[in-house]
Protein backbone atom coordinates (compact mmCIF):
# COMPACT_ATOMS: atom_id res chain seq x y z
CA UNK A 1 -0.01 0.03 0.10
CA UNK A 2 2.93 2.46 1.04
CA UNK A 3 4.26 1.53 -2.87
CA UNK A 4 0.97 2.30 -4.12
CA UNK A 5 0.73 5.82 -2.44
CA UNK A 6 4.45 6.70 -3.40
CA UNK A 7 3.77 6.02 -6.92
CA UNK A 8 0.45 7.92 -7.08
CA UNK A 9 2.28 10.87 -5.48
CA UNK A 10 5.46 10.76 -8.22
CA UNK A 11 2.67 10.56 -10.48
CA UNK A 12 0.43 14.03 -9.31
CA UNK A 13 3.98 15.69 -9.19
CA UNK A 14 5.02 14.70 -12.56
CA UNK A 15 1.55 15.81 -14.09
CA UNK A 16 1.43 19.00 -12.06
CA UNK A 17 5.19 19.84 -13.71
CA UNK A 18 4.05 19.06 -17.23
CA UNK A 19 0.86 20.97 -17.02
CA UNK A 20 2.33 23.65 -15.15
CA UNK A 21 2.62 27.21 -16.70
CA UNK A 22 6.02 28.24 -18.27
CA UNK A 23 7.21 31.76 -17.36
CA UNK A 24 9.48 34.08 -16.36
CA UNK A 25 9.52 33.08 -12.73
CA UNK A 26 10.50 29.86 -13.80
CA UNK A 27 13.42 30.30 -15.40
CA UNK A 28 14.61 32.51 -12.62
CA UNK A 29 13.93 29.76 -10.53
CA UNK A 30 15.66 27.11 -12.50
CA UNK A 31 18.67 29.23 -13.68
CA UNK A 32 17.98 29.39 -17.01
CA UNK A 33 17.37 33.21 -16.60
CA UNK A 34 21.42 33.81 -16.70
CA UNK A 35 21.31 32.95 -20.34
CA UNK A 36 18.58 35.68 -21.16
CA UNK A 37 20.96 38.65 -20.08
CA UNK A 38 22.97 39.41 -23.79
CA UNK A 39 25.27 42.33 -24.04
CA UNK A 40 24.22 45.65 -24.27
CA UNK A 41 21.22 45.61 -21.98
CA UNK A 42 19.28 43.24 -23.80
CA UNK A 43 17.32 40.40 -22.10
CA UNK A 44 16.44 37.84 -24.58
CA UNK A 45 13.04 35.88 -23.68
CA UNK A 46 12.16 34.84 -27.24
CA UNK A 47 11.49 31.19 -28.49
CA UNK A 48 11.50 30.28 -24.38
CA UNK A 49 7.70 28.94 -24.73
CA UNK A 50 6.48 31.42 -21.87
CA UNK A 51 3.03 31.19 -21.83
CA UNK A 52 3.11 34.59 -19.53
CA UNK A 53 5.46 37.36 -18.34
CA UNK A 54 4.89 36.39 -14.34
CA UNK A 55 7.80 36.95 -12.51
CA UNK A 56 9.33 39.71 -14.84
CA UNK A 57 9.42 42.18 -11.98
CA UNK A 58 11.70 39.62 -10.09
CA UNK A 59 14.79 39.99 -13.03
CA UNK A 60 17.84 41.06 -11.31
CA UNK A 61 19.25 44.65 -12.11
CA UNK A 62 16.04 45.58 -14.18
CA UNK A 63 17.21 49.17 -14.00
CA UNK A 64 19.94 48.34 -16.50
CA UNK A 65 17.65 46.58 -19.07
CA UNK A 66 17.19 48.48 -22.31
CA UNK A 67 15.65 45.71 -24.67
CA UNK A 68 13.30 42.93 -24.01
CA UNK A 69 12.57 40.74 -26.91
CA UNK A 70 9.86 38.03 -25.68
CA UNK A 71 8.89 37.14 -29.36
CA UNK A 72 7.46 33.90 -30.64
CA UNK A 73 6.20 32.78 -27.24
CA UNK A 74 2.39 31.59 -26.45
CA UNK A 75 1.79 34.82 -24.05
CA UNK A 76 -1.83 35.80 -23.72
CA UNK A 77 -1.98 38.73 -21.59
CA UNK A 78 0.17 41.09 -19.64
CA UNK A 79 -2.04 40.96 -16.46
CA UNK A 80 0.00 38.92 -13.94
CA UNK A 81 3.18 41.03 -15.00
CA UNK A 82 5.00 44.23 -13.74
CA UNK A 83 7.49 46.61 -15.42
CA UNK A 84 7.67 48.86 -12.75
CA UNK A 85 11.24 48.67 -12.05
CA UNK A 86 12.39 48.95 -15.48
CA UNK A 87 13.05 52.36 -15.54
CA UNK A 88 15.28 52.64 -18.61
CA UNK A 89 13.84 50.05 -20.88
CA UNK A 90 13.33 51.80 -24.42
CA UNK A 91 12.20 48.46 -26.68
CA UNK A 92 9.87 45.75 -26.07
CA UNK A 93 9.00 43.26 -28.51
CA UNK A 94 6.02 40.53 -28.12
CA UNK A 95 5.92 39.59 -31.74
CA UNK A 96 4.15 36.12 -32.48
CA UNK A 97 2.37 35.77 -29.58
CA UNK A 98 -1.24 34.94 -28.41
CA UNK A 99 -2.24 38.49 -26.83
CA UNK A 100 -6.15 39.46 -27.38
CA UNK A 101 -6.09 43.00 -26.10
CA UNK A 102 -4.08 45.42 -24.60
CA UNK A 103 -5.87 45.80 -21.45
CA UNK A 104 -2.73 44.53 -19.39
CA UNK A 105 -1.08 47.45 -20.63
CA UNK A 106 -1.74 49.44 -17.31
CA UNK A 107 1.20 47.14 -16.32
CA UNK A 108 3.91 48.82 -18.56
CA UNK A 109 2.49 52.81 -17.24
CA UNK A 110 5.85 53.29 -15.55
CA UNK A 111 7.95 52.82 -18.84
CA UNK A 112 8.41 56.36 -18.98
CA UNK A 113 11.43 56.02 -21.32
CA UNK A 114 9.89 53.12 -23.62
CA UNK A 115 10.27 53.83 -27.26
CA UNK A 116 9.20 50.97 -29.30
CA UNK A 117 6.40 48.61 -28.63
CA UNK A 118 5.98 45.76 -31.14
CA UNK A 119 3.27 43.58 -30.96
CA UNK A 120 2.53 42.09 -34.44
CA UNK A 121 1.54 38.48 -35.30
CA UNK A 122 -0.75 38.31 -32.33
CA UNK A 123 -4.79 38.12 -32.12
CA UNK A 124 -5.46 41.40 -31.15
CA UNK A 125 -9.08 42.88 -32.48
CA UNK A 126 -9.28 46.47 -30.92
CA UNK A 127 -6.77 49.37 -31.07
CA UNK A 128 -7.50 51.72 -28.25
CA UNK A 129 -5.40 55.04 -28.15
CA UNK A 130 -6.54 55.39 -24.28
CA UNK A 131 -4.39 52.39 -23.27
CA UNK A 132 -1.16 54.49 -24.35
CA UNK A 133 -1.47 57.23 -22.61
CA UNK A 134 0.95 56.78 -19.79
CA UNK A 135 3.96 55.99 -22.56
CA UNK A 136 5.02 59.85 -23.15
CA UNK A 137 8.14 59.12 -24.92
CA UNK A 138 6.50 56.42 -27.30
CA UNK A 139 7.65 56.94 -30.37
CA UNK A 140 7.30 53.47 -32.58
CA UNK A 141 4.53 51.38 -32.22
CA UNK A 142 3.90 48.02 -34.34
CA UNK A 143 0.22 46.29 -34.44
CA UNK A 144 0.52 44.94 -37.92
CA UNK A 145 -0.43 41.22 -38.55
CA UNK A 146 -3.05 41.24 -36.07
CA UNK A 147 -7.10 41.01 -36.24
CA UNK A 148 -7.87 44.73 -35.31
CA UNK A 149 -11.07 45.80 -36.67
CA UNK A 150 -12.05 48.61 -34.81
CA UNK A 151 -10.12 52.10 -33.77
CA UNK A 152 -11.32 53.41 -30.95
CA UNK A 153 -9.79 57.17 -30.90
CA UNK A 154 -8.67 59.11 -27.88
CA UNK A 155 -9.88 62.74 -28.03
CA UNK A 156 -8.82 64.26 -24.93
CA UNK A 157 -4.46 64.40 -25.04
CA UNK A 158 -2.02 63.36 -26.83
CA UNK A 159 -0.49 59.51 -27.11
CA UNK A 160 3.09 60.88 -26.06
CA UNK A 161 5.22 61.28 -29.22
CA UNK A 162 3.90 58.67 -31.59
CA UNK A 163 5.50 59.40 -34.85
CA UNK A 164 5.43 55.97 -36.68
CA UNK A 165 2.30 53.19 -36.24
CA UNK A 166 1.67 50.13 -38.08
CA UNK A 167 -1.79 48.76 -37.99
CA UNK A 168 -0.89 46.86 -41.37
CA UNK A 169 -2.20 43.62 -42.56
CA UNK A 170 -5.48 43.76 -39.99
CA UNK A 171 -9.11 43.69 -40.49
CA UNK A 172 -10.02 47.05 -40.48
CA UNK A 173 -13.19 48.21 -42.61
CA UNK A 174 -13.72 51.72 -41.74
CA UNK A 175 -11.21 54.64 -40.52
CA UNK A 176 -13.48 56.30 -37.96
CA UNK A 177 -13.16 60.04 -37.44
CA UNK A 178 -10.82 61.50 -35.08
CA UNK A 179 -9.23 58.48 -35.34
CA UNK A 180 -5.67 59.34 -34.84
CA UNK A 181 -6.48 62.96 -33.06
CA UNK A 182 -4.46 62.54 -30.12
CA UNK A 183 -0.96 61.87 -32.29
CA UNK A 184 0.06 65.10 -33.49
CA UNK A 185 3.19 63.73 -34.04
CA UNK A 186 2.60 61.08 -36.59
CA UNK A 187 4.62 61.06 -39.59
CA UNK A 188 4.21 57.73 -41.23
CA UNK A 189 0.88 55.63 -40.94
CA UNK A 190 0.70 52.00 -42.25
CA UNK A 191 -2.99 51.12 -42.93
CA UNK A 192 -1.81 48.67 -46.25
CA UNK A 193 -3.03 45.09 -46.56
CA UNK A 194 -6.64 45.90 -44.43
CA UNK A 195 -10.27 45.84 -45.86
CA UNK A 196 -11.05 49.74 -45.25
CA UNK A 197 -13.91 50.47 -47.74
CA UNK A 198 -14.65 53.90 -45.84
CA UNK A 199 -12.80 57.25 -44.84
CA UNK A 200 -14.89 59.03 -42.36
CA UNK A 201 -15.02 62.57 -42.50
CA UNK A 202 -11.75 63.93 -40.24
CA UNK A 203 -10.48 60.52 -40.03
CA UNK A 204 -7.05 62.16 -40.76
CA UNK A 205 -7.91 65.32 -38.24
CA UNK A 206 -5.11 66.65 -36.64
CA UNK A 207 -2.57 64.70 -38.39
CA UNK A 208 -0.71 67.82 -39.70
CA UNK A 209 3.12 65.98 -39.51
CA UNK A 210 2.44 63.26 -41.31
CA UNK A 211 5.04 62.82 -44.19
CA UNK A 212 4.04 59.04 -45.39
CA UNK A 213 0.33 57.31 -45.79
CA UNK A 214 0.11 53.94 -47.13
CA UNK A 215 -3.36 52.63 -47.96
CA UNK A 216 -2.71 50.49 -50.66
CA UNK A 217 -4.24 46.55 -51.08
CA UNK A 218 -7.53 47.99 -49.37
CA UNK A 219 -11.51 47.92 -50.68
CA UNK A 220 -11.65 51.77 -51.17
CA UNK A 221 -14.17 52.73 -53.70
CA UNK A 222 -14.32 56.91 -53.40
CA UNK A 223 -11.89 59.42 -52.15
CA UNK A 224 -14.14 62.31 -50.67
CA UNK A 225 -13.79 65.90 -50.56
CA UNK A 226 -11.39 67.23 -48.25
CA UNK A 227 -10.55 63.73 -46.61
CA UNK A 228 -6.89 64.75 -46.55
CA UNK A 229 -7.57 68.09 -45.97
CA UNK A 230 -5.17 68.07 -42.84
CA UNK A 231 -2.28 66.54 -44.55
CA UNK A 232 -0.13 69.27 -45.19
CA UNK A 233 3.29 67.79 -44.89
CA UNK A 234 2.38 64.44 -46.75
CA UNK A 235 4.94 63.65 -49.10
CA UNK A 236 3.85 59.93 -50.24
CA UNK A 237 0.29 58.77 -50.93
CA UNK A 238 0.12 55.07 -51.70
CA UNK A 239 -3.43 54.24 -52.99
CA UNK A 240 -3.05 51.44 -55.78
CA UNK A 241 -4.76 48.13 -55.96
CA UNK A 242 -7.99 49.30 -54.39
CA UNK A 243 -11.20 50.09 -56.33
CA UNK A 244 -11.39 53.74 -56.27
CA UNK A 245 -13.61 55.05 -58.88
CA UNK A 246 -14.70 58.21 -57.88
CA UNK A 247 -12.80 61.55 -56.68
CA UNK A 248 -14.87 63.68 -55.48
CA UNK A 249 -14.61 67.33 -56.19
CA UNK A 250 -11.41 69.19 -53.53
CA UNK A 251 -10.10 65.60 -52.37
CA UNK A 252 -6.60 66.84 -53.17
CA UNK A 253 -7.19 70.14 -50.80
CA UNK A 254 -4.26 69.76 -48.23
CA UNK A 255 -1.95 67.95 -50.57
CA UNK A 256 0.03 70.50 -51.72
CA UNK A 257 3.53 69.33 -50.63
CA UNK A 258 2.75 65.70 -51.92
CA UNK A 259 5.78 64.26 -53.60
CA UNK A 260 4.44 60.95 -54.90
CA UNK A 261 1.11 59.52 -55.63
CA UNK A 262 0.39 56.30 -56.08
CA UNK A 263 -3.43 55.46 -57.98
CA UNK A 264 -2.05 52.51 -60.28
CA UNK A 265 -4.53 49.40 -60.49
CA UNK A 266 -7.93 51.25 -59.38
CA UNK A 267 -11.04 51.94 -61.51
CA UNK A 268 -10.24 55.59 -62.53
CA UNK A 269 -10.61 56.95 -66.01
CA UNK A 270 -7.22 57.85 -66.23
CA UNK A 271 -7.54 60.82 -69.15
CA UNK A 272 -9.90 62.70 -66.40
CA UNK A 273 -7.08 62.22 -63.46
CA UNK A 274 -4.03 62.79 -63.56
CA UNK A 275 -2.64 61.49 -60.10
CA UNK A 276 0.26 59.22 -61.59
CA UNK A 277 3.60 61.42 -61.57
CA UNK A 278 5.71 58.51 -60.97
CA UNK A 279 3.35 55.83 -63.10
CA UNK A 280 4.65 58.32 -66.10
CA UNK A 281 8.12 58.39 -65.18
CA UNK A 282 8.79 54.72 -64.52
CA UNK A 283 8.05 53.55 -67.97
CA UNK A 284 10.91 55.59 -69.68
CA UNK A 285 13.21 54.36 -66.99
CA UNK A 286 12.35 50.46 -67.58
CA UNK A 287 12.66 50.95 -71.10
CA UNK A 288 16.25 51.88 -70.11
CA UNK A 289 16.99 49.27 -67.53
CA UNK A 290 15.38 46.34 -69.42
CA UNK A 291 18.39 46.46 -72.01
CA UNK A 292 20.54 45.71 -69.16
CA UNK A 293 22.04 41.78 -69.24
CA UNK A 294 24.44 42.49 -66.06
CA UNK A 295 24.37 43.76 -62.90
CA UNK A 296 24.21 47.85 -62.56
CA UNK A 297 23.96 50.65 -60.82
CA UNK A 298 21.73 53.29 -60.47
CA UNK A 299 21.89 57.35 -58.91
CA UNK A 300 18.36 58.59 -57.26
CA UNK A 301 19.51 62.20 -56.57
CA UNK A 302 16.90 63.60 -54.28
CA UNK A 303 15.41 60.29 -53.80
CA UNK A 304 12.47 61.72 -51.39
CA UNK A 305 11.14 58.62 -50.18
CA UNK A 306 12.34 56.44 -52.77
CA UNK A 307 9.86 55.15 -54.68
CA UNK A 308 12.01 54.36 -58.03
CA UNK A 309 14.67 53.04 -56.04
CA UNK A 310 13.14 50.65 -54.05
CA UNK A 311 11.11 49.71 -57.36
CA UNK A 312 14.00 49.09 -59.33
CA UNK A 313 15.75 47.64 -56.73
CA UNK A 314 12.73 44.82 -56.71
CA UNK A 315 12.75 44.29 -60.28
CA UNK A 316 16.17 44.15 -61.83
CA UNK A 317 19.78 42.56 -60.63
CA UNK A 318 21.20 46.43 -59.43
CA UNK A 319 22.38 48.40 -56.62
CA UNK A 320 20.53 51.24 -56.30
CA UNK A 321 21.93 54.30 -54.35
CA UNK A 322 19.83 57.06 -52.74
CA UNK A 323 20.66 60.46 -51.99
CA UNK A 324 18.30 62.84 -49.62
CA UNK A 325 19.08 65.17 -47.74
CA UNK A 326 16.13 65.61 -46.06
CA UNK A 327 16.03 63.23 -42.93
CA UNK A 328 12.44 63.95 -41.99
CA UNK A 329 11.09 61.96 -44.70
CA UNK A 330 12.02 58.61 -43.19
CA UNK A 331 13.77 57.33 -45.61
CA UNK A 332 16.41 54.67 -43.89
CA UNK A 333 13.72 53.78 -42.16
CA UNK A 334 11.56 53.15 -45.16
CA UNK A 335 14.22 50.73 -46.53
CA UNK A 336 14.25 48.74 -42.97
CA UNK A 337 10.69 48.22 -44.03
CA UNK A 338 11.48 46.94 -46.93
CA UNK A 339 14.62 44.76 -45.63
CA UNK A 340 13.86 42.11 -48.20
CA UNK A 341 15.62 44.27 -50.48
CA UNK A 342 19.17 44.10 -49.82
CA UNK A 343 20.58 46.15 -52.53
CA UNK A 344 20.17 49.67 -51.85
CA UNK A 345 22.03 52.40 -50.28
CA UNK A 346 20.95 55.53 -48.69
CA UNK A 347 23.07 58.79 -48.14
CA UNK A 348 21.91 61.16 -46.67
CA UNK A 349 23.29 64.75 -47.55
CA UNK A 350 22.15 67.77 -49.40
CA UNK A 351 23.86 67.65 -52.18
CA UNK A 352 25.99 70.15 -53.77
CA UNK A 353 27.33 71.08 -57.14
CA UNK A 354 31.07 70.09 -55.68
CA UNK A 355 29.60 66.90 -54.39
CA UNK A 356 28.41 66.22 -57.85
CA UNK A 357 31.92 67.05 -59.38
CA UNK A 358 33.73 64.88 -57.01
CA UNK A 359 31.10 61.92 -57.57
CA UNK A 360 31.60 62.45 -61.60
CA UNK A 361 35.29 62.03 -60.66
CA UNK A 362 35.56 58.57 -58.76
CA UNK A 363 32.31 56.69 -59.60
CA UNK A 364 30.39 55.92 -62.53
CA UNK A 365 26.86 55.16 -62.71
CA UNK A 366 24.93 53.18 -65.10
CA UNK A 367 21.63 55.04 -64.90
CA UNK A 368 21.20 58.83 -63.31
CA UNK A 369 17.90 60.13 -61.88
CA UNK A 370 17.31 64.00 -61.05
CA UNK A 371 13.90 64.49 -60.74
CA UNK A 372 13.92 67.38 -58.39
CA UNK A 373 17.25 68.82 -58.40
CA UNK A 374 18.50 71.32 -60.78
CA UNK A 375 16.11 73.96 -59.93
CA UNK A 376 16.95 73.81 -56.24
CA UNK A 377 20.73 74.48 -56.66
CA UNK A 378 20.79 78.04 -55.62
CA UNK A 379 23.11 80.03 -58.32
CA UNK A 380 24.33 77.35 -59.09
CA UNK A 381 22.11 75.68 -62.09
CA UNK A 382 24.58 75.38 -65.18
CA UNK A 383 27.51 73.83 -63.07
CA UNK A 384 24.79 71.40 -61.59
CA UNK A 385 23.63 70.46 -64.80
CA UNK A 386 27.38 69.90 -66.37
CA UNK A 387 28.39 67.67 -63.20
CA UNK A 388 25.54 65.76 -63.33
CA UNK A 389 26.02 64.91 -67.19
CA UNK A 390 29.74 63.65 -65.84
CA UNK A 391 28.02 60.85 -63.67
CA UNK A 392 27.45 58.13 -66.21
CA UNK A 393 25.42 56.49 -69.14
CA UNK A 394 22.14 57.55 -68.75
CA UNK A 395 21.18 60.89 -66.96
CA UNK A 396 17.37 61.44 -66.23
CA UNK A 397 17.10 65.10 -65.57
CA UNK A 398 13.66 66.88 -65.11
CA UNK A 399 12.53 70.31 -65.18
CA UNK A 400 10.57 72.31 -62.98
CA UNK A 401 6.73 72.94 -63.95
CA UNK A 402 6.60 76.33 -65.94
CA UNK A 403 5.40 78.91 -63.47
CA UNK A 404 7.02 77.35 -60.37
CA UNK A 405 7.82 79.77 -57.57
CA UNK A 406 9.48 77.74 -55.08
CA UNK A 407 12.62 76.89 -56.62
CA UNK A 408 15.93 78.46 -55.56
CA UNK A 409 16.13 79.52 -59.23
CA UNK A 410 12.76 80.59 -60.13
CA UNK A 411 13.91 83.11 -61.88
CA UNK A 412 16.27 80.92 -64.17
CA UNK A 413 13.54 78.49 -65.07
CA UNK A 414 13.57 79.58 -68.86
CA UNK A 415 17.29 79.58 -68.78
CA UNK A 416 17.60 75.92 -67.23
CA UNK A 417 15.07 74.73 -69.71
CA UNK A 418 17.15 76.28 -72.65
CA UNK A 419 20.27 74.87 -71.46
CA UNK A 420 19.31 71.74 -71.08
CA UNK A 421 17.37 71.34 -74.88
CA UNK A 422 20.63 72.89 -76.57
CA UNK A 423 22.46 69.86 -75.06
CA UNK A 424 22.89 67.34 -78.21
CA UNK A 425 23.16 64.42 -76.25
CA UNK A 426 19.45 64.88 -75.04
CA UNK A 427 15.98 64.97 -75.90
CA UNK A 428 12.50 64.94 -74.24
CA UNK A 429 11.16 61.63 -73.69
CA UNK A 430 7.84 62.52 -71.20
CA UNK A 431 5.96 65.31 -69.94
CA UNK A 432 4.80 65.18 -66.31
CA UNK A 433 1.90 66.87 -65.79
CA UNK A 434 1.95 68.46 -62.48
CA UNK A 435 -1.53 69.22 -60.69
CA UNK A 436 -2.27 71.91 -58.01
CA UNK A 437 1.87 72.30 -57.33
CA UNK A 438 2.26 75.26 -54.30
CA UNK A 439 3.39 78.63 -56.74
CA UNK A 440 1.33 77.43 -60.08
CA UNK A 441 -1.30 80.03 -60.70
CA UNK A 442 -4.52 79.04 -61.03
CA UNK A 443 -5.82 75.23 -61.35
CA UNK A 444 -4.63 74.83 -64.68
CA UNK A 445 -2.68 71.92 -65.50
CA UNK A 446 0.93 72.51 -66.04
CA UNK A 447 3.92 70.18 -67.15
CA UNK A 448 7.63 69.45 -66.52
CA UNK A 449 9.76 67.87 -69.27
CA UNK A 450 11.91 64.76 -68.79
CA UNK A 451 15.01 64.78 -70.67
CA UNK A 452 17.11 62.05 -71.52
CA UNK A 453 20.69 62.54 -72.11
CA UNK A 454 23.03 59.17 -73.34
CA UNK A 455 26.52 60.33 -71.99
CA UNK A 456 28.95 56.95 -72.32
CA UNK A 457 31.26 57.77 -70.32
CA UNK A 458 34.11 56.26 -70.85
CA UNK A 459 36.79 56.97 -68.11
CA UNK A 460 36.99 57.71 -64.42
CA UNK A 461 39.47 60.39 -63.36
CA UNK A 462 40.30 59.05 -59.71
CA UNK A 463 40.57 55.97 -58.06
CA UNK A 464 38.44 57.19 -55.26
CA UNK A 465 36.99 60.09 -53.42
CA UNK A 466 39.15 62.96 -52.41
CA UNK A 467 42.22 61.20 -54.15
CA UNK A 468 44.69 63.74 -54.84
CA UNK A 469 45.96 61.26 -57.78
CA UNK A 470 44.70 61.71 -61.36
CA UNK A 471 45.03 58.46 -63.27
CA UNK A 472 42.18 58.21 -66.07
CA UNK A 473 41.18 54.58 -65.89
CA UNK A 474 39.22 53.51 -69.44
CA UNK A 475 36.22 52.21 -68.94
CA UNK A 476 34.10 49.93 -71.08
CA UNK A 477 30.07 49.97 -70.49
CA UNK A 478 27.98 48.36 -72.62
CA UNK A 479 24.66 46.56 -72.20
CA UNK A 480 26.58 43.46 -71.69
CA UNK A 481 29.53 43.45 -69.85
CA UNK A 482 31.85 46.57 -67.68
CA UNK A 483 35.12 46.47 -67.22
CA UNK A 484 37.62 49.06 -66.10
CA UNK A 485 41.35 49.06 -67.34
CA UNK A 486 44.26 49.91 -65.00
CA UNK A 487 47.47 51.11 -66.84
CA UNK A 488 49.56 50.78 -63.89
CA UNK A 489 49.31 47.15 -63.89
CA UNK A 490 48.24 46.23 -67.17
CA UNK A 491 45.14 44.64 -66.54
CA UNK A 492 41.25 45.17 -67.47
CA UNK A 493 39.35 43.73 -64.35
CA UNK A 494 35.35 43.45 -63.65
CA UNK A 495 33.53 46.32 -62.56
CA UNK A 496 31.50 45.36 -59.82
CA UNK A 497 28.11 47.11 -59.17
CA UNK A 498 27.56 49.69 -56.52
CA UNK A 499 29.65 52.69 -55.25
CA UNK A 500 32.77 52.76 -53.30
CA UNK A 501 32.87 52.69 -49.54
CA UNK A 502 35.04 55.50 -48.90
CA UNK A 503 32.44 57.54 -51.36
CA UNK A 504 29.47 56.01 -49.01
CA UNK A 505 31.18 57.81 -45.83
CA UNK A 506 32.10 60.97 -47.76
CA UNK A 507 28.65 61.54 -48.40
CA UNK A 508 27.00 60.34 -45.29
CA UNK A 509 25.98 56.98 -46.16
CA UNK A 510 23.46 56.27 -43.45
CA UNK A 511 21.93 52.77 -44.32
CA UNK A 512 22.78 50.13 -44.44
CA UNK A 513 23.78 50.67 -40.95
CA UNK A 514 27.04 51.23 -39.14
CA UNK A 515 26.53 47.46 -37.52
CA UNK A 516 25.94 46.17 -41.09
CA UNK A 517 28.95 47.32 -42.63
CA UNK A 518 31.33 46.58 -39.57
CA UNK A 519 30.17 42.58 -39.99
CA UNK A 520 30.67 42.66 -43.39
CA UNK A 521 34.52 43.93 -43.02
CA UNK A 522 34.78 41.27 -40.55
CA UNK A 523 33.64 38.85 -42.88
CA UNK A 524 36.00 39.82 -45.55
CA UNK A 525 38.93 40.44 -43.10
CA UNK A 526 39.14 36.23 -44.00
CA UNK A 527 39.84 36.79 -47.67
CA UNK A 528 43.61 37.03 -48.30
CA UNK A 529 43.61 40.79 -49.84
CA UNK A 530 47.32 42.70 -49.83
CA UNK A 531 45.34 46.00 -49.63
CA UNK A 532 42.72 45.65 -47.10
CA UNK A 533 41.69 49.41 -46.75
CA UNK A 534 37.69 50.99 -46.78
CA UNK A 535 38.57 52.19 -50.00
CA UNK A 536 38.98 48.87 -52.02
CA UNK A 537 35.56 47.83 -50.76
CA UNK A 538 32.52 48.24 -52.74
CA UNK A 539 29.11 48.59 -50.86
CA UNK A 540 26.40 46.67 -52.72
CA UNK A 541 23.89 47.25 -50.11
CA UNK A 542 23.96 44.83 -47.30
CA UNK A 543 27.17 43.39 -48.36
CA UNK A 544 30.58 44.57 -49.27
CA UNK A 545 32.85 43.41 -52.00
CA UNK A 546 36.73 43.66 -52.24
CA UNK A 547 38.13 45.41 -55.31
CA UNK A 548 41.97 45.97 -56.36
CA UNK A 549 42.87 42.44 -55.18
CA UNK A 550 46.46 42.52 -57.52
CA UNK A 551 47.58 46.09 -55.71
CA UNK A 552 49.59 45.13 -52.95
CA UNK A 553 51.21 48.61 -51.68
CA UNK A 554 50.48 48.24 -48.23
CA UNK A 555 52.48 45.94 -45.43
CA UNK A 556 50.55 42.74 -44.53
CA UNK A 557 49.77 43.90 -41.27
CA UNK A 558 47.13 46.32 -42.53
CA UNK A 559 44.89 43.08 -43.51
CA UNK A 560 42.94 43.76 -39.98
CA UNK A 561 39.42 44.22 -39.59
CA UNK A 562 39.35 46.35 -36.50
CA UNK A 563 42.30 48.91 -38.11
CA UNK A 564 39.91 48.99 -41.44
CA UNK A 565 36.57 49.59 -39.24
CA UNK A 566 38.83 52.34 -37.32
CA UNK A 567 40.02 53.68 -40.54
CA UNK A 568 35.98 53.53 -41.80
CA UNK A 569 35.35 55.51 -38.54
CA UNK A 570 37.87 58.03 -39.11
């Protein structure tokens, strides 16, 4: 009898352990929590089979933790945990869990420094802005890939400093009035891939700072009058892949600063609606790129939010280099959202004529896009055009529309047009309608001309950015191949798509991030290269490749990743 009782007790104990909730406290009790602490103040709790975060308040040294990743678990709610001790936490990731509501967010009320909250791939069904009131420093909120059907507006007070909000890939059918009135600092709003069929009156009320709005892949059938009236800072609006048939009078009101409007794949009568500026330009870009049977490099000057480069990068074997000086356009962040594209580069700089001159001396591009550049070069439009034409083989330059008074060279617009027209290498390939642009007199439609210049650049004067050496490397560039001849070693080498890492540094490269570049330099250190320095590397997006393999001018001790990184950072 005692033996039976012992066996029964053991079975009960085993069953209790089998069905016990796995939580943070169990990690603490077992000692496994020690393996969850990573460098730089990160607590890695992902893929731990956690059913709740109970016990997280007992984590040692909580005030030193800045990043918690509890993704890929089975967490159903946040009601049993407290983050009160995590006073310096800036990022909380709870993606790929089973959260059904945000009621437990009351338990993160003390996170006064929280900047990012990521809750993708859960089971949330309501977005209630009231629940975020205490997160005064919240900058990014990611609620994509949930089951959200309802937005509950908050009309009293603001939601911290929220600038980026993801509500994509949910079940939203209606954007209600005053939906985001509590988010006056919002700059990017992602509503794509829902089932939105209705934009209620004043649904975007108060979003005066919004720069980017994604509404593509929804079920919109009409754009009501004044629906975007408060979006006075909007630069990019994607409405493709809806069922829009009706554009009510004055629907454009408020969109005076719009750079990119994509209304493609709707049911509009395009003869009556001219909202496809990018769609007009892109076929002429594509006509050039379709000829290439090799990897090529595109330079996009004044890239704005990267519409052309991101589209090219997704369709071709190439590297797209974007130059944009306005960091409020969030271009690096847009690239991060399109991280499946590993072939894009961002240089964050307001380009000058001197920059263009130096760039033309040390780089060679297959296609150059300059759609909003020349007329912004105050007092130096002629030099800018001349230097643009030294950048590569095919150069597309767009003139400002007639009557534009906002350009730095407004008084010289006729001269700019004439100077472009008289160049024998160029021809007008498109006229882009510009509706309602600031400075245009009246509602009349105006056009800007797109010129294509076939330059066939065949020489590279300098080896790298800032080099005092003038060497004149011959280049053979065709649709099928591209090579560079090095007279000093009497050798022809294949050209690598991308730009020199030293150019990236000198033009303030911001994407990919430094951490990616450092990791790539460490990876390349395994190769027996005799001249391991940043200017012998080409950046092609998220990867670097070595050049000048036969240039053994430096001692062997320079083949060191730490020294190379130090040079890059100097």
